[in-house]
């Protein structure tokens, strides 16, 4: 089983998942040893990072910053708590399930998975769905009737 060293930073006043939940979600998506920091932020910081590193002037739900692949994966994952809460409400899913999804999504980005092409997106989504189902969560790409897509 791959080893994980996890650091958690909380730069938001909103409730965020406990470290043990984040640890469980990360481990479920790991393929190799990894050292990761997950930083929970508010919209201001998420927007600034998204603008600086992606040229997009809005707060996004998750950003992943891979740092190195050798001798093991290392990187940072930034999750915007207010965006997660708003998206979960709009999609009629639990905030916990959405945090789990975005944590798995971030870990997969550290592994080099991406969604820039349809083929890459299909592969990444299939791994996310399987991982989340193994954790007891529904397919995050099936939006329930009456939910709004963001």
Protein backbone atom coordinates (compact mmCIF):
# COMPACT_ATOMS: atom_id res chain seq x y z
CA UNK A 1 0.00 0.00 0.00
CA UNK A 2 1.40 3.44 -0.91
CA UNK A 3 2.54 5.65 1.94
CA UNK A 4 1.04 9.10 2.51
CA UNK A 5 2.35 12.06 4.44
CA UNK A 6 -0.51 14.55 4.78
CA UNK A 7 -0.47 18.10 6.09
CA UNK A 8 -3.71 20.06 6.40
CA UNK A 9 -3.98 23.85 6.52
CA UNK A 10 -7.21 25.69 7.24
CA UNK A 11 -7.44 29.28 6.05
CA UNK A 12 -11.23 29.53 6.19
CA UNK A 13 -13.84 30.01 8.87
CA UNK A 14 -16.16 27.46 7.24
CA UNK A 15 -16.40 23.89 8.45
CA UNK A 16 -14.10 21.60 6.51
CA UNK A 17 -13.52 17.85 6.68
CA UNK A 18 -11.52 16.41 9.56
CA UNK A 19 -7.97 15.30 8.89
CA UNK A 20 -8.94 11.61 9.20
CA UNK A 21 -11.55 12.04 6.45
CA UNK A 22 -9.03 13.73 4.16
CA UNK A 23 -6.52 11.00 4.93
CA UNK A 24 -9.03 8.29 4.01
CA UNK A 25 -9.98 10.00 0.73
CA UNK A 26 -6.36 10.62 -0.26
CA UNK A 27 -5.30 7.05 0.50
CA UNK A 28 -8.15 5.70 -1.60
CA UNK A 29 -6.82 7.53 -4.67
CA UNK A 30 -3.09 6.91 -4.12
CA UNK A 31 -1.16 4.81 -6.61
CA UNK A 32 2.35 5.61 -5.30
CA UNK A 33 3.94 7.15 -2.21
CA UNK A 34 2.91 10.77 -1.79
CA UNK A 35 3.53 13.83 0.37
CA UNK A 36 0.73 16.36 0.09
CA UNK A 37 -0.52 19.50 1.77
CA UNK A 38 -4.23 20.20 1.52
CA UNK A 39 -5.08 23.84 2.16
CA UNK A 40 -8.72 24.82 2.76
CA UNK A 41 -9.26 28.43 1.72
CA UNK A 42 -11.89 31.12 1.23
CA UNK A 43 -12.86 32.65 -2.11
CA UNK A 44 -10.34 35.50 -1.98
CA UNK A 45 -7.32 33.20 -1.82
CA UNK A 46 -8.75 30.72 -4.35
CA UNK A 47 -9.45 33.55 -6.78
CA UNK A 48 -5.94 35.03 -6.35
CA UNK A 49 -4.29 31.63 -6.94
CA UNK A 50 -6.51 30.82 -9.91
CA UNK A 51 -5.74 34.22 -11.43
CA UNK A 52 -1.99 33.97 -10.83
CA UNK A 53 -1.48 30.39 -11.97
CA UNK A 54 -4.26 29.82 -14.51
CA UNK A 55 -5.12 33.34 -15.68
CA UNK A 56 -8.77 32.87 -14.61
CA UNK A 57 -10.31 35.59 -12.47
CA UNK A 58 -12.69 33.58 -10.27
CA UNK A 59 -12.55 31.33 -7.24
CA UNK A 60 -12.44 27.73 -8.42
CA UNK A 61 -13.27 24.68 -6.34
CA UNK A 62 -9.87 22.93 -6.41
CA UNK A 63 -6.35 23.68 -7.61
CA UNK A 64 -3.50 21.19 -7.65
CA UNK A 65 0.16 22.13 -7.65
CA UNK A 66 2.44 19.15 -8.34
CA UNK A 67 5.94 19.83 -7.01
CA UNK A 68 7.94 16.69 -7.78
CA UNK A 69 7.54 13.09 -8.89
CA UNK A 70 10.87 11.74 -7.53
CA UNK A 71 11.55 10.03 -5.20
CA UNK A 72 7.79 10.18 -4.57
CA UNK A 73 4.89 12.43 -5.50
CA UNK A 74 4.82 15.74 -3.71
CA UNK A 75 2.41 18.62 -4.11
CA UNK A 76 -0.23 20.96 -2.79
CA UNK A 77 -3.99 20.82 -3.20
CA UNK A 78 -6.03 23.96 -2.52
CA UNK A 79 -9.77 23.53 -1.95
CA UNK A 80 -12.11 26.52 -1.73
CA UNK A 81 -14.63 25.74 1.01
CA UNK A 82 -17.29 28.34 0.01
CA UNK A 83 -17.25 27.15 -3.61
CA UNK A 84 -17.53 23.52 -2.48
CA UNK A 85 -20.53 24.41 -0.30
CA UNK A 86 -22.25 26.36 -3.09
CA UNK A 87 -21.66 23.63 -5.68
CA UNK A 88 -22.87 20.89 -3.33
CA UNK A 89 -26.08 22.81 -2.67
CA UNK A 90 -26.65 23.53 -6.37
CA UNK A 91 -26.06 19.87 -7.27
CA UNK A 92 -28.17 18.47 -4.42
CA UNK A 93 -25.26 16.48 -3.00
CA UNK A 94 -23.74 16.46 0.46
CA UNK A 95 -20.84 18.78 1.17
CA UNK A 96 -18.93 15.75 2.47
CA UNK A 97 -19.37 13.91 -0.84
CA UNK A 98 -18.22 16.95 -2.79
CA UNK A 99 -15.15 17.43 -0.58
CA UNK A 100 -14.36 13.73 -1.06
CA UNK A 101 -14.67 14.11 -4.83
CA UNK A 102 -12.45 17.17 -5.02
CA UNK A 103 -9.83 15.57 -2.76
CA UNK A 104 -9.70 12.47 -4.97
CA UNK A 105 -9.64 14.73 -8.04
CA UNK A 106 -6.66 16.65 -6.64
CA UNK A 107 -4.74 13.49 -5.79
CA UNK A 108 -5.29 12.18 -9.31
CA UNK A 109 -3.91 15.44 -10.72
CA UNK A 110 -0.79 14.89 -8.61
CA UNK A 111 -0.50 11.49 -10.29
CA UNK A 112 -0.52 13.21 -13.68
CA UNK A 113 -4.12 12.59 -14.66
CA UNK A 114 -5.81 15.45 -16.48
CA UNK A 115 -9.00 16.34 -18.31
CA UNK A 116 -7.73 18.49 -21.17
CA UNK A 117 -8.98 16.08 -23.85
CA UNK A 118 -12.09 13.90 -23.96
CA UNK A 119 -9.97 10.76 -23.63
CA UNK A 120 -8.07 12.11 -20.60
CA UNK A 121 -11.31 13.30 -19.00
CA UNK A 122 -13.00 9.92 -19.52
CA UNK A 123 -10.09 8.07 -17.91
CA UNK A 124 -9.82 10.46 -14.97
CA UNK A 125 -13.58 10.46 -14.39
CA UNK A 126 -13.75 6.66 -14.46
CA UNK A 127 -11.03 6.44 -11.79
CA UNK A 128 -12.81 9.09 -9.70
CA UNK A 129 -16.15 7.30 -9.94
CA UNK A 130 -14.66 3.92 -8.98
CA UNK A 131 -12.66 5.42 -6.11
CA UNK A 132 -15.63 7.35 -4.74
CA UNK A 133 -17.95 4.34 -5.04
CA UNK A 134 -15.38 2.27 -3.11
CA UNK A 135 -15.57 4.98 -0.42
CA UNK A 136 -19.39 4.76 -0.37
CA UNK A 137 -20.19 7.88 -2.41
CA UNK A 138 -22.37 8.15 -5.51
CA UNK A 139 -21.07 8.96 -8.97
CA UNK A 140 -20.34 12.72 -8.82
CA UNK A 141 -20.97 13.10 -12.54
CA UNK A 142 -24.62 12.06 -12.28
CA UNK A 143 -26.41 15.23 -11.27
CA UNK A 144 -29.73 14.51 -9.62
CA UNK A 145 -32.97 15.75 -11.10
CA UNK A 146 -33.63 19.36 -10.18
CA UNK A 147 -29.96 20.13 -9.50
CA UNK A 148 -28.18 22.97 -11.20
CA UNK A 149 -24.85 22.51 -12.89
CA UNK A 150 -22.16 25.07 -12.12
